[in-house]
């Protein structure tokens, strides 16, 4: 089981914490994650609303790269229909150089109506824009000189002047619809999922993971670079000593997050506890859920621990418990014969 961190950077301008302070908190947490042994740090891209306060993850990740040594870094995700594929390739090739080869590139097609409105792009075009841009980004990062005439972008013998350190950075594609998992696997890409937004209950992870792995097997896809799990799934996470402490810490922040999240299921704390689509609870309870995920075929988990204006000390305590107490129990249990 590989554990990473992810932040949406959901900002609340009516609360005392400034956006600059929030950036520094998230950067500090990335440094802590690097020290504790988390595998990767992911930053989400969002536009035109306080729900997500990072319009270009490459900028914040470059700052984090200067303060960390080993943790992998990437967007989860950068939204290809909103961007010129040339600048995506340039931004993340530069991040790979700055971080000495630590880029993990998460890509998505977007889903928030106000973002498409803000960029003047029809949502009906997003699949065509994504598919066309994905091919160009891959070719540019591979060092090719690309000539391409498409509906949305034309390239005439374009080649990056800054190449990534890695010959082939890991590429993940986000899926909101579980039906897409098989096709992403068949295309040879890694998969990023957010069960909170797409599934109805925890056990739904098993068929989604199986469909993705079936696609990868049919395409005979090689393993991901860095020993990364092919499927990384994100859960809101808070680990505490007891169930009662976890509820006290997380109920308010989680319900604030849900009230301000756009176009998504407004889960209450009781509902998320019932359906299991978050990692909230004691050390033992979270260890059991990670063991269950591993046995479903999910070996990469991104923990979203800083949400809903969660206090810094609560975030850092949860991060420490996950690595120092939860993960050893998971690995010990999985090493035993079933």
C-alpha atoms as a PDB file:
ATOM      1  CA  UNK A   1       0.000   0.000   0.000  1.00  0.00           C
ATOM      2  CA  UNK A   2       1.450   3.364  -1.116  1.00  0.00           C
ATOM      3  CA  UNK A   3       0.224   6.488   0.689  1.00  0.00           C
ATOM      4  CA  UNK A   4       0.371  10.008  -0.777  1.00  0.00           C
ATOM      5  CA  UNK A   5      -1.079  13.389   0.150  1.00  0.00           C
ATOM      6  CA  UNK A   6      -3.411  15.530  -1.948  1.00  0.00           C
ATOM      7  CA  UNK A   7      -4.799  19.018  -1.423  1.00  0.00           C
ATOM      8  CA  UNK A   8      -7.674  20.740  -3.204  1.00  0.00           C
ATOM      9  CA  UNK A   9      -6.798  23.968  -1.332  1.00  0.00           C
ATOM     10  CA  UNK A  10     -10.426  24.782  -0.593  1.00  0.00           C
ATOM     11  CA  UNK A  11     -10.255  28.391   0.589  1.00  0.00           C
ATOM     12  CA  UNK A  12     -12.769  30.191   2.835  1.00  0.00           C
ATOM     13  CA  UNK A  13     -12.340  33.964   2.443  1.00  0.00           C
ATOM     14  CA  UNK A  14     -14.733  34.731   5.321  1.00  0.00           C
ATOM     15  CA  UNK A  15     -12.468  32.896   7.781  1.00  0.00           C
ATOM     16  CA  UNK A  16      -9.318  34.456   9.282  1.00  0.00           C
ATOM     17  CA  UNK A  17      -6.783  32.321   7.383  1.00  0.00           C
ATOM     18  CA  UNK A  18      -5.485  34.185   4.336  1.00  0.00           C
ATOM     19  CA  UNK A  19      -4.845  32.441   1.055  1.00  0.00           C
ATOM     20  CA  UNK A  20      -1.107  33.111   1.370  1.00  0.00           C
ATOM     21  CA  UNK A  21      -1.111  31.503   4.814  1.00  0.00           C
ATOM     22  CA  UNK A  22      -2.929  28.501   3.348  1.00  0.00           C
ATOM     23  CA  UNK A  23      -0.268  28.092   0.646  1.00  0.00           C
ATOM     24  CA  UNK A  24       2.422  28.096   3.331  1.00  0.00           C
ATOM     25  CA  UNK A  25       0.511  25.549   5.444  1.00  0.00           C
ATOM     26  CA  UNK A  26       0.169  23.166   2.506  1.00  0.00           C
ATOM     27  CA  UNK A  27       3.847  23.607   1.641  1.00  0.00           C
ATOM     28  CA  UNK A  28       4.800  22.849   5.255  1.00  0.00           C
ATOM     29  CA  UNK A  29       2.646  19.721   5.142  1.00  0.00           C
ATOM     30  CA  UNK A  30       4.405  18.611   1.958  1.00  0.00           C
ATOM     31  CA  UNK A  31       7.740  19.000   3.763  1.00  0.00           C
ATOM     32  CA  UNK A  32       6.389  16.900   6.649  1.00  0.00           C
ATOM     33  CA  UNK A  33       5.126  14.289   4.178  1.00  0.00           C
ATOM     34  CA  UNK A  34       8.587  14.163   2.595  1.00  0.00           C
ATOM     35  CA  UNK A  35      10.141  13.556   6.021  1.00  0.00           C
ATOM     36  CA  UNK A  36       7.574  10.929   7.050  1.00  0.00           C
ATOM     37  CA  UNK A  37       7.901   8.906   3.847  1.00  0.00           C
ATOM     38  CA  UNK A  38       4.702   9.637   1.943  1.00  0.00           C
ATOM     39  CA  UNK A  39       5.171   8.659  -1.688  1.00  0.00           C
ATOM     40  CA  UNK A  40       3.795  11.703  -3.540  1.00  0.00           C
ATOM     41  CA  UNK A  41       2.278  15.142  -3.064  1.00  0.00           C
ATOM     42  CA  UNK A  42      -0.574  16.084  -5.402  1.00  0.00           C
ATOM     43  CA  UNK A  43      -2.158  19.527  -5.865  1.00  0.00           C
ATOM     44  CA  UNK A  44      -5.513  20.028  -7.590  1.00  0.00           C
ATOM     45  CA  UNK A  45      -6.161  22.643 -10.281  1.00  0.00           C
ATOM     46  CA  UNK A  46      -9.291  24.793 -10.066  1.00  0.00           C
ATOM     47  CA  UNK A  47     -10.455  28.142 -11.428  1.00  0.00           C
ATOM     48  CA  UNK A  48     -12.814  31.043 -10.713  1.00  0.00           C
ATOM     49  CA  UNK A  49     -14.141  29.893  -7.310  1.00  0.00           C
ATOM     50  CA  UNK A  50     -12.776  29.603  -3.768  1.00  0.00           C
ATOM     51  CA  UNK A  51     -13.478  25.855  -3.752  1.00  0.00           C
ATOM     52  CA  UNK A  52      -9.968  25.369  -5.144  1.00  0.00           C
ATOM     53  CA  UNK A  53      -7.352  28.108  -4.882  1.00  0.00           C
ATOM     54  CA  UNK A  54      -4.571  26.868  -7.199  1.00  0.00           C
ATOM     55  CA  UNK A  55      -5.109  27.735 -10.888  1.00  0.00           C
ATOM     56  CA  UNK A  56      -1.675  26.355 -11.874  1.00  0.00           C
ATOM     57  CA  UNK A  57      -0.338  23.534  -9.660  1.00  0.00           C
ATOM     58  CA  UNK A  58       3.072  23.661 -11.357  1.00  0.00           C
ATOM     59  CA  UNK A  59       3.785  26.970  -9.594  1.00  0.00           C
ATOM     60  CA  UNK A  60       3.069  25.752  -6.063  1.00  0.00           C
ATOM     61  CA  UNK A  61       4.717  22.382  -6.737  1.00  0.00           C
ATOM     62  CA  UNK A  62       7.879  24.128  -7.922  1.00  0.00           C
ATOM     63  CA  UNK A  63       8.049  25.986  -4.611  1.00  0.00           C
ATOM     64  CA  UNK A  64       7.517  22.706  -2.748  1.00  0.00           C
ATOM     65  CA  UNK A  65      10.249  21.050  -4.824  1.00  0.00           C
ATOM     66  CA  UNK A  66      12.783  23.490  -3.389  1.00  0.00           C
ATOM     67  CA  UNK A  67      11.938  22.424   0.177  1.00  0.00           C
ATOM     68  CA  UNK A  68      11.741  18.646  -0.318  1.00  0.00           C
ATOM     69  CA  UNK A  69      14.150  15.888  -1.294  1.00  0.00           C
ATOM     70  CA  UNK A  70      12.441  12.651  -2.296  1.00  0.00           C
ATOM     71  CA  UNK A  71       8.648  12.970  -2.421  1.00  0.00           C
ATOM     72  CA  UNK A  72       7.125  12.777  -5.913  1.00  0.00           C
ATOM     73  CA  UNK A  73       5.213  15.854  -7.091  1.00  0.00           C
ATOM     74  CA  UNK A  74       2.331  16.364  -9.475  1.00  0.00           C
ATOM     75  CA  UNK A  75      -1.030  17.873 -10.290  1.00  0.00           C
ATOM     76  CA  UNK A  76      -4.178  15.948  -9.546  1.00  0.00           C
ATOM     77  CA  UNK A  77      -5.149  17.022 -11.995  1.00  0.00           C
ATOM     78  CA  UNK A  78      -4.243  19.621 -14.581  1.00  0.00           C
ATOM     79  CA  UNK A  79      -7.275  20.204 -16.788  1.00  0.00           C
ATOM     80  CA  UNK A  80      -6.251  19.685 -20.412  1.00  0.00           C
ATOM     81  CA  UNK A  81      -9.299  21.200 -22.177  1.00  0.00           C
ATOM     82  CA  UNK A  82      -8.479  24.570 -20.560  1.00  0.00           C
ATOM     83  CA  UNK A  83      -4.810  24.618 -21.566  1.00  0.00           C
ATOM     84  CA  UNK A  84      -2.583  24.757 -24.587  1.00  0.00           C
ATOM     85  CA  UNK A  85      -0.756  21.397 -24.647  1.00  0.00           C
ATOM     86  CA  UNK A  86       2.519  23.197 -25.364  1.00  0.00           C
ATOM     87  CA  UNK A  87       2.388  25.123 -22.082  1.00  0.00           C
ATOM     88  CA  UNK A  88       1.329  22.026 -20.135  1.00  0.00           C
ATOM     89  CA  UNK A  89       4.374  20.162 -21.457  1.00  0.00           C
ATOM     90  CA  UNK A  90       6.639  23.156 -20.773  1.00  0.00           C
ATOM     91  CA  UNK A  91       5.376  23.748 -17.224  1.00  0.00           C
ATOM     92  CA  UNK A  92       5.753  20.143 -16.155  1.00  0.00           C
ATOM     93  CA  UNK A  93       9.038  19.511 -17.948  1.00  0.00           C
ATOM     94  CA  UNK A  94      10.364  22.470 -15.956  1.00  0.00           C
ATOM     95  CA  UNK A  95       8.934  21.017 -12.722  1.00  0.00           C
ATOM     96  CA  UNK A  96      10.642  17.704 -13.480  1.00  0.00           C
ATOM     97  CA  UNK A  97      13.953  19.516 -13.922  1.00  0.00           C
ATOM     98  CA  UNK A  98      13.543  21.598 -10.764  1.00  0.00           C
ATOM     99  CA  UNK A  99      12.635  18.512  -8.718  1.00  0.00           C
ATOM    100  CA  UNK A 100      15.339  16.305 -10.292  1.00  0.00           C
ATOM    101  CA  UNK A 101      12.956  13.842 -11.881  1.00  0.00           C
ATOM    102  CA  UNK A 102      10.098  13.720  -9.367  1.00  0.00           C
ATOM    103  CA  UNK A 103       7.175  14.598 -11.653  1.00  0.00           C
ATOM    104  CA  UNK A 104       4.011  12.483 -11.626  1.00  0.00           C
ATOM    105  CA  UNK A 105       1.572  13.967 -14.129  1.00  0.00           C
ATOM    106  CA  UNK A 106      -2.141  13.735 -13.382  1.00  0.00           C
ATOM    107  CA  UNK A 107      -4.451  14.864 -16.200  1.00  0.00           C
ATOM    108  CA  UNK A 108      -8.200  15.366 -16.428  1.00  0.00           C
ATOM    109  CA  UNK A 109     -10.959  16.728 -18.616  1.00  0.00           C
ATOM    110  CA  UNK A 110     -12.756  18.914 -16.051  1.00  0.00           C
ATOM    111  CA  UNK A 111     -16.312  18.788 -14.768  1.00  0.00           C
ATOM    112  CA  UNK A 112     -17.228  22.130 -13.160  1.00  0.00           C
ATOM    113  CA  UNK A 113     -19.652  24.196 -15.236  1.00  0.00           C
ATOM    114  CA  UNK A 114     -18.402  27.584 -14.017  1.00  0.00           C
ATOM    115  CA  UNK A 115     -14.857  26.712 -15.137  1.00  0.00           C
ATOM    116  CA  UNK A 116     -15.972  25.903 -18.683  1.00  0.00           C
ATOM    117  CA  UNK A 117     -18.015  29.137 -18.660  1.00  0.00           C
ATOM    118  CA  UNK A 118     -14.996  31.092 -17.428  1.00  0.00           C
ATOM    119  CA  UNK A 119     -12.828  29.827 -20.258  1.00  0.00           C
ATOM    120  CA  UNK A 120     -15.611  30.123 -22.854  1.00  0.00           C
ATOM    121  CA  UNK A 121     -15.418  26.406 -23.680  1.00  0.00           C
ATOM    122  CA  UNK A 122     -18.394  24.185 -24.390  1.00  0.00           C
ATOM    123  CA  UNK A 123     -18.478  21.168 -22.036  1.00  0.00           C
ATOM    124  CA  UNK A 124     -19.538  19.063 -25.015  1.00  0.00           C
ATOM    125  CA  UNK A 125     -16.047  19.637 -26.475  1.00  0.00           C
ATOM    126  CA  UNK A 126     -14.116  18.452 -23.443  1.00  0.00           C
ATOM    127  CA  UNK A 127     -13.519  14.863 -24.553  1.00  0.00           C
ATOM    128  CA  UNK A 128     -12.229  15.873 -27.976  1.00  0.00           C
ATOM    129  CA  UNK A 129     -10.041  18.592 -26.458  1.00  0.00           C
ATOM    130  CA  UNK A 130      -8.671  16.219 -23.828  1.00  0.00           C
ATOM    131  CA  UNK A 131      -7.865  13.400 -26.238  1.00  0.00           C
ATOM    132  CA  UNK A 132      -6.133  15.697 -28.715  1.00  0.00           C
ATOM    133  CA  UNK A 133      -4.124  17.517 -26.059  1.00  0.00           C
ATOM    134  CA  UNK A 134      -3.093  14.311 -24.285  1.00  0.00           C
ATOM    135  CA  UNK A 135      -1.404  12.946 -27.387  1.00  0.00           C
ATOM    136  CA  UNK A 136       0.491  16.203 -27.959  1.00  0.00           C
ATOM    137  CA  UNK A 137       1.632  16.468 -24.311  1.00  0.00           C
ATOM    138  CA  UNK A 138       2.967  12.903 -24.354  1.00  0.00           C
ATOM    139  CA  UNK A 139       4.879  13.446 -27.590  1.00  0.00           C
ATOM    140  CA  UNK A 140       6.389  16.759 -26.463  1.00  0.00           C
ATOM    141  CA  UNK A 141       7.517  15.335 -23.108  1.00  0.00           C
ATOM    142  CA  UNK A 142       9.128  12.453 -25.006  1.00  0.00           C
ATOM    143  CA  UNK A 143      11.283  14.979 -26.879  1.00  0.00           C
ATOM    144  CA  UNK A 144       9.575  14.733 -30.256  1.00  0.00           C
ATOM    145  CA  UNK A 145       9.329  17.613 -32.714  1.00  0.00           C
ATOM    146  CA  UNK A 146       5.582  17.742 -33.225  1.00  0.00           C
ATOM    147  CA  UNK A 147       3.581  18.905 -36.215  1.00  0.00           C
ATOM    148  CA  UNK A 148      -0.119  18.469 -35.710  1.00  0.00           C
ATOM    149  CA  UNK A 149      -3.251  19.997 -37.183  1.00  0.00           C
ATOM    150  CA  UNK A 150      -6.310  19.597 -34.990  1.00  0.00           C
ATOM    151  CA  UNK A 151      -9.639  21.271 -34.418  1.00  0.00           C
ATOM    152  CA  UNK A 152      -8.399  23.291 -31.447  1.00  0.00           C
ATOM    153  CA  UNK A 153      -4.609  23.622 -31.812  1.00  0.00           C
ATOM    154  CA  UNK A 154      -2.139  23.537 -34.678  1.00  0.00           C
ATOM    155  CA  UNK A 155       1.559  22.818 -34.138  1.00  0.00           C
ATOM    156  CA  UNK A 156       4.244  23.371 -36.747  1.00  0.00           C
ATOM    157  CA  UNK A 157       7.444  21.475 -35.903  1.00  0.00           C
ATOM    158  CA  UNK A 158       7.317  22.394 -32.187  1.00  0.00           C
ATOM    159  CA  UNK A 159       9.879  20.902 -29.805  1.00  0.00           C
ATOM    160  CA  UNK A 160      10.457  21.682 -26.126  1.00  0.00           C
ATOM    161  CA  UNK A 161      13.585  23.653 -25.306  1.00  0.00           C
ATOM    162  CA  UNK A 162      13.411  22.280 -21.741  1.00  0.00           C
ATOM    163  CA  UNK A 163      13.059  18.518 -21.570  1.00  0.00           C
ATOM    164  CA  UNK A 164      12.060  16.557 -18.452  1.00  0.00           C
ATOM    165  CA  UNK A 165      14.690  14.587 -16.561  1.00  0.00           C
ATOM    166  CA  UNK A 166      12.576  11.457 -16.931  1.00  0.00           C
ATOM    167  CA  UNK A 167      12.385   9.817 -20.324  1.00  0.00           C
ATOM    168  CA  UNK A 168       8.776   8.864 -19.637  1.00  0.00           C
ATOM    169  CA  UNK A 169       7.086  10.493 -16.635  1.00  0.00           C
ATOM    170  CA  UNK A 170       4.212   8.620 -15.011  1.00  0.00           C
ATOM    171  CA  UNK A 171       0.872   9.786 -16.446  1.00  0.00           C
ATOM    172  CA  UNK A 172      -2.457   9.325 -14.689  1.00  0.00           C
ATOM    173  CA  UNK A 173      -5.908  10.151 -16.030  1.00  0.00           C
ATOM    174  CA  UNK A 174      -8.770  11.068 -13.707  1.00  0.00           C
ATOM    175  CA  UNK A 175     -12.093   9.294 -14.026  1.00  0.00           C
ATOM    176  CA  UNK A 176     -15.302  10.589 -12.492  1.00  0.00           C
ATOM    177  CA  UNK A 177     -17.432   7.989 -14.274  1.00  0.00           C
ATOM    178  CA  UNK A 178     -16.578   4.468 -13.147  1.00  0.00           C
ATOM    179  CA  UNK A 179     -17.280   3.210 -16.668  1.00  0.00           C
ATOM    180  CA  UNK A 180     -14.167   5.061 -17.856  1.00  0.00           C
ATOM    181  CA  UNK A 181     -11.786   3.023 -15.672  1.00  0.00           C
ATOM    182  CA  UNK A 182     -11.558   0.099 -18.120  1.00  0.00           C
ATOM    183  CA  UNK A 183     -10.765   2.373 -21.088  1.00  0.00           C
ATOM    184  CA  UNK A 184      -8.074   4.290 -19.152  1.00  0.00           C
ATOM    185  CA  UNK A 185      -6.420   0.983 -18.284  1.00  0.00           C
ATOM    186  CA  UNK A 186      -6.644  -0.209 -21.877  1.00  0.00           C
ATOM    187  CA  UNK A 187      -4.908   2.990 -23.049  1.00  0.00           C
ATOM    188  CA  UNK A 188      -1.952   2.284 -20.760  1.00  0.00           C
ATOM    189  CA  UNK A 189      -2.450   5.255 -18.453  1.00  0.00           C
ATOM    190  CA  UNK A 190      -2.580   5.226 -14.671  1.00  0.00           C
ATOM    191  CA  UNK A 191      -5.957   5.914 -13.060  1.00  0.00           C
ATOM    192  CA  UNK A 192      -6.960   8.527 -10.476  1.00  0.00           C
ATOM    193  CA  UNK A 193     -10.355   8.239  -8.783  1.00  0.00           C
ATOM    194  CA  UNK A 194     -12.304  10.074  -6.069  1.00  0.00           C
ATOM    195  CA  UNK A 195     -14.835   7.615  -4.596  1.00  0.00           C
ATOM    196  CA  UNK A 196     -16.517  10.390  -2.571  1.00  0.00           C
ATOM    197  CA  UNK A 197     -17.720  11.991  -5.809  1.00  0.00           C
ATOM    198  CA  UNK A 198     -18.492   8.955  -7.964  1.00  0.00           C
ATOM    199  CA  UNK A 199     -19.494   5.934  -5.889  1.00  0.00           C
ATOM    200  CA  UNK A 200     -22.320   5.156  -3.492  1.00  0.00           C
ATOM    201  CA  UNK A 201     -20.531   2.892  -1.008  1.00  0.00           C
ATOM    202  CA  UNK A 202     -17.074   1.617  -0.099  1.00  0.00           C
ATOM    203  CA  UNK A 203     -17.550  -1.841  -1.634  1.00  0.00           C
ATOM    204  CA  UNK A 204     -18.105  -0.243  -5.063  1.00  0.00           C
ATOM    205  CA  UNK A 205     -14.321   0.198  -5.246  1.00  0.00           C
ATOM    206  CA  UNK A 206     -13.827  -3.503  -6.026  1.00  0.00           C
ATOM    207  CA  UNK A 207     -15.564  -3.647  -9.450  1.00  0.00           C
ATOM    208  CA  UNK A 208     -14.068  -0.288 -10.467  1.00  0.00           C
ATOM    209  CA  UNK A 209     -10.545  -1.497  -9.644  1.00  0.00           C
ATOM    210  CA  UNK A 210     -11.186  -4.807 -11.398  1.00  0.00           C
ATOM    211  CA  UNK A 211     -12.384  -3.092 -14.582  1.00  0.00           C
ATOM    212  CA  UNK A 212      -9.261  -0.927 -14.675  1.00  0.00           C
ATOM    213  CA  UNK A 213      -6.938  -3.878 -14.137  1.00  0.00           C
ATOM    214  CA  UNK A 214      -8.764  -5.851 -16.835  1.00  0.00           C
ATOM    215  CA  UNK A 215      -8.072  -3.057 -19.296  1.00  0.00           C
ATOM    216  CA  UNK A 216      -4.385  -2.947 -18.365  1.00  0.00           C
ATOM    217  CA  UNK A 217      -4.075  -6.716 -18.646  1.00  0.00           C
ATOM    218  CA  UNK A 218      -5.698  -6.811 -22.082  1.00  0.00           C
ATOM    219  CA  UNK A 219      -3.270  -4.129 -23.299  1.00  0.00           C
ATOM    220  CA  UNK A 220      -0.281  -5.822 -21.626  1.00  0.00           C
ATOM    221  CA  UNK A 221       0.704  -2.508 -20.049  1.00  0.00           C
ATOM    222  CA  UNK A 222       4.113  -2.286 -18.284  1.00  0.00           C
ATOM    223  CA  UNK A 223       4.338  -1.225 -14.611  1.00  0.00           C
ATOM    224  CA  UNK A 224       4.228   2.464 -13.694  1.00  0.00           C
ATOM    225  CA  UNK A 225       7.535   4.304 -13.135  1.00  0.00           C
ATOM    226  CA  UNK A 226       8.923   4.732  -9.587  1.00  0.00           C
ATOM    227  CA  UNK A 227       7.099   1.571  -8.503  1.00  0.00           C
ATOM    228  CA  UNK A 228       3.904   3.634  -8.335  1.00  0.00           C
ATOM    229  CA  UNK A 229       0.543   1.956  -8.018  1.00  0.00           C
ATOM    230  CA  UNK A 230      -1.339   2.049 -11.313  1.00  0.00           C
ATOM    231  CA  UNK A 231      -4.534   3.148  -9.553  1.00  0.00           C
ATOM    232  CA  UNK A 232      -4.415   5.996  -7.020  1.00  0.00           C
ATOM    233  CA  UNK A 233      -7.676   6.748  -5.252  1.00  0.00           C
ATOM    234  CA  UNK A 234      -8.308   9.773  -3.034  1.00  0.00           C
ATOM    235  CA  UNK A 235     -10.127   9.773   0.286  1.00  0.00           C
ATOM    236  CA  UNK A 236     -10.834  12.556   2.742  1.00  0.00           C
ATOM    237  CA  UNK A 237      -8.755  11.375   5.678  1.00  0.00           C
ATOM    238  CA  UNK A 238      -8.462  11.973   9.388  1.00  0.00           C
ATOM    239  CA  UNK A 239      -6.809   9.502  11.732  1.00  0.00           C
ATOM    240  CA  UNK A 240      -7.119   9.899  15.498  1.00  0.00           C
ATOM    241  CA  UNK A 241      -6.544   7.814  18.619  1.00  0.00           C
ATOM    242  CA  UNK A 242     -10.245   7.045  19.037  1.00  0.00           C
ATOM    243  CA  UNK A 243     -13.409   7.135  16.959  1.00  0.00           C
ATOM    244  CA  UNK A 244     -14.819   9.844  19.225  1.00  0.00           C
ATOM    245  CA  UNK A 245     -11.768  12.062  18.761  1.00  0.00           C
ATOM    246  CA  UNK A 246     -11.899  11.597  15.005  1.00  0.00           C
ATOM    247  CA  UNK A 247     -15.561  12.634  14.912  1.00  0.00           C
ATOM    248  CA  UNK A 248     -14.914  15.678  17.097  1.00  0.00           C
ATOM    249  CA  UNK A 249     -12.074  16.813  14.837  1.00  0.00           C
ATOM    250  CA  UNK A 250     -13.604  16.090  11.458  1.00  0.00           C
ATOM    251  CA  UNK A 251     -17.363  16.656  11.602  1.00  0.00           C
ATOM    252  CA  UNK A 252     -17.251  20.455  11.300  1.00  0.00           C
ATOM    253  CA  UNK A 253     -14.536  20.669   8.610  1.00  0.00           C
ATOM    254  CA  UNK A 254     -16.087  17.900   6.496  1.00  0.00           C
ATOM    255  CA  UNK A 255     -19.565  19.412   6.562  1.00  0.00           C
ATOM    256  CA  UNK A 256     -18.143  22.871   5.749  1.00  0.00           C
ATOM    257  CA  UNK A 257     -16.311  21.349   2.781  1.00  0.00           C
ATOM    258  CA  UNK A 258     -19.476  19.637   1.562  1.00  0.00           C
ATOM    259  CA  UNK A 259     -21.624  22.778   1.912  1.00  0.00           C
ATOM    260  CA  UNK A 260     -19.222  24.776  -0.235  1.00  0.00           C
ATOM    261  CA  UNK A 261     -18.327  22.129  -2.818  1.00  0.00           C
ATOM    262  CA  UNK A 262     -19.937  22.810  -6.193  1.00  0.00           C
ATOM    263  CA  UNK A 263     -22.250  20.374  -8.022  1.00  0.00           C
ATOM    264  CA  UNK A 264     -21.372  17.385  -5.831  1.00  0.00           C
ATOM    265  CA  UNK A 265     -23.143  15.090  -3.417  1.00  0.00           C
ATOM    266  CA  UNK A 266     -23.713  16.990  -0.145  1.00  0.00           C
ATOM    267  CA  UNK A 267     -22.794  14.120   2.171  1.00  0.00           C
ATOM    268  CA  UNK A 268     -23.317  14.683   5.882  1.00  0.00           C
ATOM    269  CA  UNK A 269     -20.877  13.255   8.407  1.00  0.00           C
ATOM    270  CA  UNK A 270     -23.386  10.519   9.245  1.00  0.00           C
ATOM    271  CA  UNK A 271     -23.806   9.615   5.575  1.00  0.00           C
ATOM    272  CA  UNK A 272     -20.067   9.434   4.876  1.00  0.00           C
ATOM    273  CA  UNK A 273     -19.585   7.307   7.991  1.00  0.00           C
ATOM    274  CA  UNK A 274     -22.360   4.987   6.811  1.00  0.00           C
ATOM    275  CA  UNK A 275     -21.234   4.618   3.186  1.00  0.00           C
ATOM    276  CA  UNK A 276     -17.541   4.369   4.101  1.00  0.00           C
ATOM    277  CA  UNK A 277     -16.301   6.738   1.392  1.00  0.00           C
ATOM    278  CA  UNK A 278     -13.826   8.514   3.671  1.00  0.00           C
ATOM    279  CA  UNK A 279     -10.997   7.437   5.950  1.00  0.00           C
ATOM    280  CA  UNK A 280     -12.217   8.907   9.244  1.00  0.00           C
ATOM    281  CA  UNK A 281     -11.578   7.047  12.459  1.00  0.00           C
ATOM    282  CA  UNK A 282      -9.159   5.404  14.855  1.00  0.00           C
ATOM    283  CA  UNK A 283      -5.801   3.895  13.925  1.00  0.00           C
ATOM    284  CA  UNK A 284      -7.283   0.396  13.965  1.00  0.00           C
ATOM    285  CA  UNK A 285     -10.337   1.350  11.909  1.00  0.00           C
ATOM    286  CA  UNK A 286      -8.314   3.056   9.180  1.00  0.00           C
ATOM    287  CA  UNK A 287      -5.855   0.161   9.056  1.00  0.00           C
ATOM    288  CA  UNK A 288      -8.736  -2.247   8.428  1.00  0.00           C
ATOM    289  CA  UNK A 289     -10.085  -0.076   5.592  1.00  0.00           C
ATOM    290  CA  UNK A 290      -6.682   0.129   3.906  1.00  0.00           C
ATOM    291  CA  UNK A 291      -6.307  -3.647   4.175  1.00  0.00           C
ATOM    292  CA  UNK A 292      -9.730  -4.031   2.545  1.00  0.00           C
ATOM    293  CA  UNK A 293      -8.735  -1.657  -0.263  1.00  0.00           C
ATOM    294  CA  UNK A 294      -5.527  -3.569  -0.932  1.00  0.00           C
ATOM    295  CA  UNK A 295      -7.495  -6.796  -1.180  1.00  0.00           C
ATOM    296  CA  UNK A 296      -9.848  -5.117  -3.655  1.00  0.00           C
ATOM    297  CA  UNK A 297      -6.818  -4.342  -5.832  1.00  0.00           C
ATOM    298  CA  UNK A 298      -6.321  -0.693  -4.809  1.00  0.00           C
ATOM    299  CA  UNK A 299      -2.697  -0.245  -3.768  1.00  0.00           C
ATOM    300  CA  UNK A 300      -2.337   3.542  -4.014  1.00  0.00           C
ATOM    301  CA  UNK A 301      -4.215   5.935  -1.718  1.00  0.00           C
ATOM    302  CA  UNK A 302      -3.968   9.739  -1.724  1.00  0.00           C
ATOM    303  CA  UNK A 303      -5.055  11.178   1.605  1.00  0.00           C
ATOM    304  CA  UNK A 304      -6.902  14.509   1.536  1.00  0.00           C
ATOM    305  CA  UNK A 305      -6.257  15.604   5.124  1.00  0.00           C
ATOM    306  CA  UNK A 306      -6.373  19.401   4.895  1.00  0.00           C
ATOM    307  CA  UNK A 307      -9.963  20.359   4.073  1.00  0.00           C
ATOM    308  CA  UNK A 308     -12.703  22.497   5.544  1.00  0.00           C
ATOM    309  CA  UNK A 309     -10.225  24.794   7.325  1.00  0.00           C
ATOM    310  CA  UNK A 310      -8.983  21.896   9.465  1.00  0.00           C
ATOM    311  CA  UNK A 311      -6.552  23.205  12.126  1.00  0.00           C
ATOM    312  CA  UNK A 312      -2.887  22.688  11.285  1.00  0.00           C
ATOM    313  CA  UNK A 313      -2.135  20.600  14.376  1.00  0.00           C
ATOM    314  CA  UNK A 314      -5.010  18.218  13.594  1.00  0.00           C
ATOM    315  CA  UNK A 315      -3.811  17.788  10.000  1.00  0.00           C
ATOM    316  CA  UNK A 316      -0.240  17.067  11.050  1.00  0.00           C
ATOM    317  CA  UNK A 317      -1.296  14.673  13.827  1.00  0.00           C
ATOM    318  CA  UNK A 318      -3.375  12.661  11.337  1.00  0.00           C
ATOM    319  CA  UNK A 319      -0.487  12.604   8.846  1.00  0.00           C
ATOM    320  CA  UNK A 320       1.882  11.240  11.493  1.00  0.00           C
ATOM    321  CA  UNK A 321      -0.525   8.580  12.746  1.00  0.00           C
ATOM    322  CA  UNK A 322      -1.112   7.356   9.190  1.00  0.00           C
ATOM    323  CA  UNK A 323       2.565   6.644   8.547  1.00  0.00           C
ATOM    324  CA  UNK A 324       3.813   5.806  12.026  1.00  0.00           C
ATOM    325  CA  UNK A 325       0.952   3.627  13.261  1.00  0.00           C
ATOM    326  CA  UNK A 326      -1.592   2.789  10.549  1.00  0.00           C
ATOM    327  CA  UNK A 327       0.740   1.774   7.735  1.00  0.00           C
ATOM    328  CA  UNK A 328       2.865  -0.655   9.805  1.00  0.00           C
ATOM    329  CA  UNK A 329      -0.321  -2.476  10.853  1.00  0.00           C
ATOM    330  CA  UNK A 330      -1.475  -2.665   7.245  1.00  0.00           C
ATOM    331  CA  UNK A 331       1.822  -4.061   6.020  1.00  0.00           C
ATOM    332  CA  UNK A 332       2.029  -6.573   8.861  1.00  0.00           C
ATOM    333  CA  UNK A 333      -1.488  -7.832   8.157  1.00  0.00           C
ATOM    334  CA  UNK A 334      -0.921  -8.092   4.403  1.00  0.00           C
ATOM    335  CA  UNK A 335       2.322  -9.986   4.919  1.00  0.00           C
ATOM    336  CA  UNK A 336       0.481 -12.745   6.803  1.00  0.00           C
ATOM    337  CA  UNK A 337      -1.002 -15.615   4.755  1.00  0.00           C
ATOM    338  CA  UNK A 338      -4.759 -15.266   4.303  1.00  0.00           C
END
